[in-house]
């Protein structure tokens, strides 16, 4: 027996608004819609047999909270499925899920046979990945690691540059790059981000350590002693050092020979976390040189300057 209750609404959830065309009429829409013909056009809501819907192979969401899933199941039992899933039509009367994985999972566990679905036209696998990512981002359903993996898949599998990814998801390029940098962390730290044991701010601070052993040690400090992001940043910076070709050497004033700008250089070096040199030329002008040591360090310096 199908326990999905008819529900009349005039507005769909925020996430699906990006996928739906503007309504042609202001009349309320019922989810108790008839099945579309097998050769019908996309663009309508239909009650589709769950057995005919295949999972989305490009699903950006990897982690499903069991407690949240149980809450959703109770909600479906009480109110029915308020918001339809989104699917694309395949051949032989089958469909593929675009968005709504949690609703599908909950429906299957409840033993439902059909589910309300909005049928859209998706012309490529790249568009499937884009739509799944954008829909989840708009709903704030993804954790930082899922977002990072999704951005990387868009770049690798869809041949999209970071700048274009930023445009598609409504973020600036620096934000996209910062998420991608998380994928350079050790697996154990990435898992802590997934499980919300440490914040993205903690993870980004750990990236500054560079050395995996140091990252793991500081990671334990966060987990076991509750170190703040600021404390991690201070630990990563440590004493002011000069890093070159894998070596670490003192950067004392004596070694540098001194400078009239030494107090300013020292202050900037402490604030930015890298070597800063001020050079004056004969006409009263000059230049400020900020060193960086790898791509991650450059991103960090740029982010600091933008702030």
Protein backbone atom coordinates (compact mmCIF):
# COMPACT_ATOMS: atom_id res chain seq x y z
CA UNK A 1 0.00 0.00 0.00
CA UNK A 2 1.41 3.37 -1.01
CA UNK A 3 1.51 5.62 2.03
CA UNK A 4 2.65 8.74 0.17
CA UNK A 5 -0.02 11.35 0.83
CA UNK A 6 -1.16 13.88 -1.74
CA UNK A 7 0.27 17.26 -0.95
CA UNK A 8 -0.66 20.52 -2.68
CA UNK A 9 1.97 23.24 -2.74
CA UNK A 10 2.74 26.27 -4.82
CA UNK A 11 6.46 26.56 -4.14
CA UNK A 12 9.16 23.89 -4.31
CA UNK A 13 12.22 23.75 -2.08
CA UNK A 14 15.00 26.20 -2.69
CA UNK A 15 17.39 23.59 -4.07
CA UNK A 16 15.14 22.50 -6.91
CA UNK A 17 14.21 26.02 -7.94
CA UNK A 18 17.43 26.22 -9.91
CA UNK A 19 16.38 23.16 -11.92
CA UNK A 20 12.72 23.98 -12.53
CA UNK A 21 11.33 26.25 -15.26
CA UNK A 22 9.09 29.17 -14.22
CA UNK A 23 5.51 28.00 -13.60
CA UNK A 24 3.09 28.72 -16.41
CA UNK A 25 0.23 29.28 -14.00
CA UNK A 26 -0.18 30.31 -10.41
CA UNK A 27 -2.59 27.43 -9.77
CA UNK A 28 -1.44 25.02 -7.03
CA UNK A 29 0.39 21.90 -8.11
CA UNK A 30 -0.49 18.42 -6.87
CA UNK A 31 2.08 15.68 -6.48
CA UNK A 32 -0.59 13.06 -7.12
CA UNK A 33 0.17 13.45 -10.82
CA UNK A 34 -0.57 10.70 -13.33
CA UNK A 35 2.25 8.71 -14.89
CA UNK A 36 3.60 10.34 -18.03
CA UNK A 37 3.56 8.35 -21.26
CA UNK A 38 6.78 6.43 -21.84
CA UNK A 39 7.59 8.57 -24.87
CA UNK A 40 6.36 11.82 -23.27
CA UNK A 41 8.42 14.96 -22.95
CA UNK A 42 10.36 15.85 -19.86
CA UNK A 43 9.25 18.68 -17.63
CA UNK A 44 6.42 17.25 -15.54
CA UNK A 45 5.88 15.73 -12.12
CA UNK A 46 4.92 12.07 -12.08
CA UNK A 47 4.57 9.23 -9.59
CA UNK A 48 7.27 6.79 -10.66
CA UNK A 49 7.97 3.25 -9.50
CA UNK A 50 11.09 3.30 -7.36
CA UNK A 51 12.29 0.04 -8.96
CA UNK A 52 12.59 1.90 -12.27
CA UNK A 53 14.91 4.61 -10.89
CA UNK A 54 18.67 4.00 -10.96
CA UNK A 55 21.03 5.80 -8.52
CA UNK A 56 22.91 8.86 -9.67
CA UNK A 57 26.46 7.70 -10.53
CA UNK A 58 27.59 11.30 -10.15
CA UNK A 59 26.07 11.84 -6.71
CA UNK A 60 28.29 14.43 -4.98
CA UNK A 61 27.00 13.53 -1.54
CA UNK A 62 29.02 10.70 0.03
CA UNK A 63 28.05 10.80 3.70
CA UNK A 64 24.52 10.18 4.95
CA UNK A 65 23.80 10.82 8.62
CA UNK A 66 21.81 7.83 9.97
CA UNK A 67 19.98 9.97 12.52
CA UNK A 68 18.94 12.51 9.87
CA UNK A 69 17.74 9.65 7.68
CA UNK A 70 15.59 8.27 10.50
CA UNK A 71 14.10 11.72 11.06
CA UNK A 72 13.29 11.96 7.36
CA UNK A 73 11.60 8.53 7.45
CA UNK A 74 9.41 9.62 10.35
CA UNK A 75 8.53 12.81 8.49
CA UNK A 76 7.54 10.85 5.38
CA UNK A 77 5.40 8.53 7.46
CA UNK A 78 3.69 11.53 9.04
CA UNK A 79 3.39 13.97 6.14
CA UNK A 80 4.30 12.07 2.99
CA UNK A 81 6.97 13.24 0.53
CA UNK A 82 6.54 17.00 0.31
CA UNK A 83 9.22 17.66 -2.32
CA UNK A 84 9.64 15.36 -5.32
CA UNK A 85 12.98 13.93 -6.33
CA UNK A 86 14.44 14.92 -9.70
CA UNK A 87 15.16 12.34 -12.42
CA UNK A 88 16.14 12.16 -16.06
CA UNK A 89 14.52 9.76 -18.49
CA UNK A 90 16.57 6.83 -19.80
CA UNK A 91 15.56 4.16 -22.32
CA UNK A 92 13.15 1.25 -21.82
CA UNK A 93 11.00 3.13 -19.33
CA UNK A 94 13.77 3.63 -16.81
CA UNK A 95 14.99 6.78 -15.07
CA UNK A 96 18.16 7.99 -13.37
CA UNK A 97 18.17 10.03 -10.18
CA UNK A 98 19.52 13.58 -10.45
CA UNK A 99 18.82 14.78 -6.91
CA UNK A 100 16.96 13.50 -3.87
CA UNK A 101 19.11 10.58 -2.76
CA UNK A 102 18.05 10.82 0.90
CA UNK A 103 14.37 10.83 -0.02
CA UNK A 104 14.95 7.80 -2.23
CA UNK A 105 16.81 5.93 0.52
CA UNK A 106 14.16 6.73 3.09
CA UNK A 107 11.37 5.63 0.72
CA UNK A 108 13.11 2.32 -0.02
CA UNK A 109 13.61 1.62 3.69
CA UNK A 110 9.93 2.39 4.31
CA UNK A 111 8.95 -0.13 1.65
CA UNK A 112 7.31 2.41 -0.66
CA UNK A 113 6.75 1.39 -4.28
CA UNK A 114 6.43 4.81 -5.93
CA UNK A 115 7.84 8.27 -5.40
CA UNK A 116 6.88 11.71 -6.79
CA UNK A 117 9.52 12.83 -9.28
CA UNK A 118 10.15 15.84 -11.45
CA UNK A 119 11.43 14.73 -14.87
CA UNK A 120 14.01 17.00 -16.47
CA UNK A 121 16.08 16.84 -19.64
CA UNK A 122 19.79 16.25 -19.02
CA UNK A 123 21.89 15.92 -22.14
CA UNK A 124 25.24 14.80 -20.72
CA UNK A 125 26.90 13.12 -17.77
CA UNK A 126 28.82 16.34 -17.11
CA UNK A 127 25.52 18.17 -16.72
CA UNK A 128 24.35 15.42 -14.32
CA UNK A 129 27.35 16.07 -12.10
CA UNK A 130 26.87 19.83 -12.31
CA UNK A 131 23.18 19.67 -11.40
CA UNK A 132 23.76 17.27 -8.51
CA UNK A 133 26.52 19.46 -7.11
CA UNK A 134 24.68 22.74 -7.53
CA UNK A 135 21.45 21.39 -6.05
CA UNK A 136 23.26 20.09 -2.97
CA UNK A 137 25.32 23.27 -2.56
CA UNK A 138 22.20 25.40 -2.65
CA UNK A 139 20.68 23.23 0.07
CA UNK A 140 23.90 23.35 2.19
CA UNK A 141 23.75 19.56 2.29
CA UNK A 142 27.41 18.81 1.63
CA UNK A 143 30.29 18.72 4.10
CA UNK A 144 33.57 20.47 3.11
CA UNK A 145 35.22 17.27 1.85
CA UNK A 146 32.23 16.39 -0.33
CA UNK A 147 32.37 19.88 -1.82
CA UNK A 148 36.11 19.52 -2.43
CA UNK A 149 35.65 16.15 -4.15
CA UNK A 150 32.79 17.54 -6.24
CA UNK A 151 34.86 20.51 -7.38
CA UNK A 152 37.71 18.18 -8.35
CA UNK A 153 35.34 15.92 -10.29
CA UNK A 154 33.99 18.91 -12.20
CA UNK A 155 37.55 19.89 -13.09
CA UNK A 156 38.81 16.38 -13.90
CA UNK A 157 35.78 14.66 -15.42
CA UNK A 158 34.08 17.62 -17.07
CA UNK A 159 37.27 19.42 -18.16
CA UNK A 160 36.18 22.63 -16.41
CA UNK A 161 38.70 25.15 -15.11
CA UNK A 162 38.58 26.38 -11.52
CA UNK A 163 37.43 29.81 -12.70
CA UNK A 164 34.48 28.25 -14.55
CA UNK A 165 33.62 26.04 -11.56
CA UNK A 166 33.45 29.17 -9.43
CA UNK A 167 31.03 30.79 -11.88
CA UNK A 168 28.79 27.72 -12.07
CA UNK A 169 28.42 27.35 -8.31
CA UNK A 170 28.30 31.05 -7.46
CA UNK A 171 31.57 31.12 -5.52
CA UNK A 172 34.76 33.14 -6.02
CA UNK A 173 37.85 31.38 -7.33
CA UNK A 174 39.70 31.63 -4.01
CA UNK A 175 36.91 29.72 -2.27
CA UNK A 176 37.04 26.95 -4.87
CA UNK A 177 40.84 26.71 -4.57
CA UNK A 178 40.64 26.56 -0.77
CA UNK A 179 38.24 23.62 -0.94
CA UNK A 180 40.48 21.82 -3.44
CA UNK A 181 43.47 22.28 -1.13
CA UNK A 182 41.71 20.15 1.52
CA UNK A 183 42.29 17.11 -0.71
CA UNK A 184 46.03 17.42 -0.03
CA UNK A 185 45.54 16.57 3.64
CA UNK A 186 46.15 13.02 4.94
CA UNK A 187 43.13 10.70 4.78
CA UNK A 188 42.72 10.64 8.56
CA UNK A 189 42.39 14.43 8.70
CA UNK A 190 40.01 14.46 5.74
CA UNK A 191 37.84 11.94 7.58
CA UNK A 192 37.76 14.17 10.65
CA UNK A 193 36.48 17.00 8.46
CA UNK A 194 33.80 14.69 7.03
CA UNK A 195 32.67 13.70 10.51
CA UNK A 196 32.71 17.32 11.73
CA UNK A 197 35.34 16.49 14.35
CA UNK A 198 37.41 19.41 13.11
CA UNK A 199 36.30 22.49 11.19
CA UNK A 200 37.35 23.59 7.75
CA UNK A 201 39.23 26.41 9.46
CA UNK A 202 41.25 23.84 11.41
CA UNK A 203 41.94 21.89 8.22
CA UNK A 204 43.15 24.95 6.36
CA UNK A 205 45.41 25.87 9.27
CA UNK A 206 46.90 22.36 9.19
CA UNK A 207 47.69 22.77 5.49
CA UNK A 208 50.19 25.44 6.47
CA UNK A 209 52.30 22.87 8.31
CA UNK A 210 53.25 21.12 5.08
CA UNK A 211 54.89 18.15 6.80
CA UNK A 212 52.43 15.27 7.28
CA UNK A 213 53.88 14.24 10.66
CA UNK A 214 53.38 17.76 11.99
CA UNK A 215 49.86 17.84 10.57
CA UNK A 216 48.99 14.57 12.29
CA UNK A 217 50.45 15.74 15.60
CA UNK A 218 48.49 18.99 15.51
CA UNK A 219 45.40 17.09 14.37
CA UNK A 220 45.53 15.09 17.61
CA UNK A 221 45.82 18.33 19.58
CA UNK A 222 42.54 19.49 18.04
CA UNK A 223 40.77 16.18 18.71
CA UNK A 224 42.14 15.48 22.20
CA UNK A 225 42.74 18.95 23.63
CA UNK A 226 40.32 21.11 21.66
CA UNK A 227 42.91 23.44 20.17
CA UNK A 228 41.41 26.45 18.40
CA UNK A 229 42.12 27.45 14.81
CA UNK A 230 44.18 30.37 16.08
CA UNK A 231 46.30 28.12 18.27
CA UNK A 232 46.96 25.79 15.34
CA UNK A 233 47.96 28.75 13.17
CA UNK A 234 50.40 29.93 15.83
CA UNK A 235 51.84 26.42 16.20
CA UNK A 236 52.29 26.12 12.43
CA UNK A 237 54.14 29.43 12.22
CA UNK A 238 56.42 28.71 15.18
CA UNK A 239 59.68 30.71 15.20
CA UNK A 240 60.33 32.79 12.12
CA UNK A 241 62.37 30.65 9.75
CA UNK A 242 63.57 30.74 6.20
CA UNK A 243 62.65 27.69 4.16
CA UNK A 244 64.56 26.97 0.96
CA UNK A 245 65.05 23.73 -1.03
CA UNK A 246 63.73 21.66 1.85
CA UNK A 247 66.16 23.14 4.40
CA UNK A 248 65.32 25.27 7.44
CA UNK A 249 67.73 27.94 8.63
CA UNK A 250 67.67 30.85 11.04
CA UNK A 251 66.52 34.20 9.74
CA UNK A 252 67.99 36.36 12.45
CA UNK A 253 68.71 40.09 11.89
CA UNK A 254 72.44 39.36 12.09
CA UNK A 255 72.22 36.81 9.29
CA UNK A 256 70.30 39.29 7.16
CA UNK A 257 72.67 42.16 7.82
CA UNK A 258 70.06 44.53 9.23
CA UNK A 259 67.93 47.17 7.51
CA UNK A 260 66.27 50.50 8.32
CA UNK A 261 62.98 48.71 7.57
CA UNK A 262 63.83 45.77 9.82
CA UNK A 263 61.10 46.46 12.44
CA UNK A 264 58.44 46.73 9.71
CA UNK A 265 59.74 43.64 7.92
CA UNK A 266 59.69 41.70 11.17
CA UNK A 267 56.13 42.76 11.93
CA UNK A 268 54.90 41.86 8.43
CA UNK A 269 56.75 38.56 8.57
CA UNK A 270 54.96 37.64 11.79
CA UNK A 271 51.56 38.69 10.44
CA UNK A 272 51.82 37.02 7.04
CA UNK A 273 53.87 34.04 8.18
CA UNK A 274 56.56 34.31 5.51
CA UNK A 275 59.66 36.35 4.70
CA UNK A 276 58.99 39.97 3.72
CA UNK A 277 61.71 42.28 2.41
CA UNK A 278 61.40 46.03 1.80
CA UNK A 279 63.80 47.48 -0.77
CA UNK A 280 64.29 51.22 -1.33
CA UNK A 281 65.64 52.68 -4.55
CA UNK A 282 67.41 55.98 -5.13
CA UNK A 283 64.35 58.00 -6.16
CA UNK A 284 62.52 57.37 -2.88
CA UNK A 285 60.36 54.55 -4.19
CA UNK A 286 60.91 50.84 -3.77
CA UNK A 287 59.27 47.48 -3.55
CA UNK A 288 57.94 45.04 -0.96
CA UNK A 289 58.91 41.42 -1.68
CA UNK A 290 56.78 38.67 -0.12
CA UNK A 291 58.22 35.19 -0.52
CA UNK A 292 56.23 31.98 -0.88
CA UNK A 293 57.47 28.43 -0.95
CA UNK A 294 54.90 26.35 -2.81
CA UNK A 295 51.43 26.60 -4.38
CA UNK A 296 49.68 26.15 -1.04
CA UNK A 297 51.75 28.91 0.52
CA UNK A 298 50.94 31.24 -2.38
CA UNK A 299 47.20 30.62 -1.94
CA UNK A 300 47.54 31.35 1.76
CA UNK A 301 49.43 34.61 1.18
CA UNK A 302 46.92 35.77 -1.46
CA UNK A 303 44.05 34.98 0.87
CA UNK A 304 45.71 36.99 3.65
CA UNK A 305 46.24 39.99 1.37
CA UNK A 306 42.65 39.83 0.13
CA UNK A 307 41.40 39.93 3.71
